[in-house]
Amino acid sequence: MEDEFIVALDVSETVRDLGFAVDGPYARTAHALAAVDKALPSLAILDVNTADGEVYPLADRLSGAGIPIIFHSGHISAEEIAERYPAAGACIKPCPPGNLVTMIDTVRSKAHAA
């Protein structure tokens, strides 16, 4: 979930380089919600501000389904994320790809331990 094209491309390539399939990126929360109605992802990387508002309806849906979430945003602090989504990870923009990779490993490990 990312509405800035260059950032979306960078994050997508980082995830693909790890061997994951990428669905999206989606710039609009409504489009991502429609996609998860068809199939849930194994992990979601979400920007807070999207082309059609905020990502929280999608985050709530994914969190409720037990999907690991990483917030990749410059609009919310790690503390705010932890308060609202305790199991989620946070990579505050700008975020080097290595930090994102580490966070992917962290949230996936947490999800498997739960």
Protein backbone atom coordinates (compact mmCIF):
# COMPACT_ATOMS: atom_id res chain seq x y z
CA MET A 1 0.00 0.00 0.00
CA GLU A 2 1.85 3.06 -1.24
CA ASP A 3 0.67 6.04 -3.26
CA GLU A 4 4.09 7.42 -4.20
CA PHE A 5 5.19 5.60 -7.36
CA ILE A 6 8.95 5.62 -6.78
CA VAL A 7 8.61 4.48 -3.17
CA ALA A 8 6.13 1.76 -4.23
CA LEU A 9 8.55 0.53 -6.88
CA ASP A 10 11.46 0.47 -4.43
CA VAL A 11 9.53 -1.42 -1.75
CA SER A 12 8.12 -3.87 -4.30
CA GLU A 13 11.57 -4.64 -5.68
CA THR A 14 12.99 -5.12 -2.17
CA VAL A 15 10.23 -7.62 -1.39
CA ARG A 16 10.61 -9.42 -4.73
CA ASP A 17 14.36 -9.69 -4.17
CA LEU A 18 13.55 -11.64 -0.99
CA GLY A 19 11.64 -14.16 -3.10
CA PHE A 20 8.11 -13.03 -2.29
CA ALA A 21 5.33 -12.48 -4.80
CA VAL A 22 3.94 -8.95 -4.70
CA ASP A 23 0.26 -8.11 -5.07
CA GLY A 24 0.00 -4.43 -5.78
CA PRO A 25 1.24 -1.96 -4.89
CA TYR A 26 -2.06 -0.22 -4.35
CA ALA A 27 -2.32 3.57 -4.13
CA ARG A 28 -5.93 3.50 -2.89
CA THR A 29 -7.14 1.79 0.26
CA ALA A 30 -10.40 0.88 -1.50
CA HIS A 31 -8.48 -1.10 -4.15
CA ALA A 32 -6.45 -2.92 -1.52
CA LEU A 33 -9.60 -3.79 0.45
CA ALA A 34 -11.12 -5.25 -2.72
CA ALA A 35 -7.96 -7.31 -3.26
CA VAL A 36 -7.97 -8.75 0.28
CA ASP A 37 -11.63 -9.69 -0.17
CA LYS A 38 -10.36 -12.09 -2.86
CA ALA A 39 -7.23 -13.35 -1.12
CA LEU A 40 -5.40 -12.43 2.07
CA PRO A 41 -1.68 -11.69 1.79
CA SER A 42 0.90 -13.38 3.99
CA LEU A 43 2.26 -9.93 4.99
CA ALA A 44 1.31 -6.31 4.31
CA ILE A 45 3.46 -3.19 4.04
CA LEU A 46 1.30 -0.12 4.47
CA ASP A 47 1.78 3.61 4.14
CA VAL A 48 -0.60 5.54 6.43
CA ASN A 49 -1.70 8.23 3.97
CA THR A 50 -3.04 6.85 0.71
CA ALA A 51 -4.55 8.39 -2.40
CA ASP A 52 -8.06 8.04 -0.94
CA GLY A 53 -7.46 8.74 2.75
CA GLU A 54 -5.86 6.73 5.51
CA VAL A 55 -5.01 3.05 5.51
CA TYR A 56 -6.56 2.19 8.89
CA PRO A 57 -9.65 0.34 7.55
CA LEU A 58 -7.30 -2.00 5.68
CA ALA A 59 -4.94 -2.31 8.65
CA ASP A 60 -7.86 -3.17 10.92
CA ARG A 61 -9.07 -5.84 8.50
CA LEU A 62 -5.62 -7.39 8.10
CA SER A 63 -4.81 -7.21 11.79
CA GLY A 64 -8.12 -8.87 12.65
CA ALA A 65 -7.26 -11.68 10.25
CA GLY A 66 -3.86 -12.20 11.88
CA ILE A 67 -1.86 -10.89 8.91
CA PRO A 68 1.54 -9.40 9.88
CA ILE A 69 1.68 -5.68 9.12
CA ILE A 70 4.54 -3.26 8.64
CA PHE A 71 3.74 0.44 8.56
CA HIS A 72 6.12 2.17 6.16
CA SER A 73 5.33 5.82 6.67
CA GLY A 74 6.66 9.21 7.61
CA HIS A 75 3.32 10.25 9.11
CA ILE A 76 3.17 8.20 12.30
CA SER A 77 5.66 7.32 15.01
CA ALA A 78 6.66 3.80 16.00
CA GLU A 79 5.09 4.48 19.42
CA GLU A 80 1.73 5.41 17.88
CA ILE A 81 1.80 2.27 15.75
CA ALA A 82 2.65 0.07 18.74
CA GLU A 83 -0.22 1.59 20.71
CA ARG A 84 -2.81 0.96 17.99
CA TYR A 85 -1.34 -2.23 16.45
CA PRO A 86 0.88 -3.96 19.04
CA ALA A 87 1.91 -6.80 16.72
CA ALA A 88 2.78 -4.50 13.79
CA GLY A 89 6.22 -3.31 12.79
CA ALA A 90 7.22 0.21 11.85
CA CYS A 91 9.72 1.51 9.33
CA ILE A 92 9.66 5.27 9.41
CA LYS A 93 10.42 6.91 6.04
CA PRO A 94 12.96 7.36 4.73
CA CYS A 95 13.77 3.74 5.40
CA PRO A 96 16.79 1.97 3.92
CA PRO A 97 15.94 -1.36 2.25
CA GLY A 98 18.03 -3.25 4.82
CA ASN A 99 15.86 -1.93 7.65
CA LEU A 100 12.72 -3.03 5.79
CA VAL A 101 14.18 -6.51 5.26
CA THR A 102 14.97 -6.77 8.98
CA MET A 103 11.44 -5.65 9.87
CA ILE A 104 9.92 -8.22 7.49
CA ASP A 105 11.87 -10.96 9.28
CA THR A 106 10.83 -9.59 12.67
CA VAL A 107 7.08 -9.43 12.02
CA ARG A 108 7.05 -12.81 10.30
CA SER A 109 8.85 -14.36 13.30
CA LYS A 110 6.36 -12.76 15.70
CA ALA A 111 3.44 -14.07 13.65
CA HIS A 112 4.82 -17.62 13.58
CA ALA A 113 5.45 -17.53 17.34
CA ALA A 114 1.88 -16.46 18.10
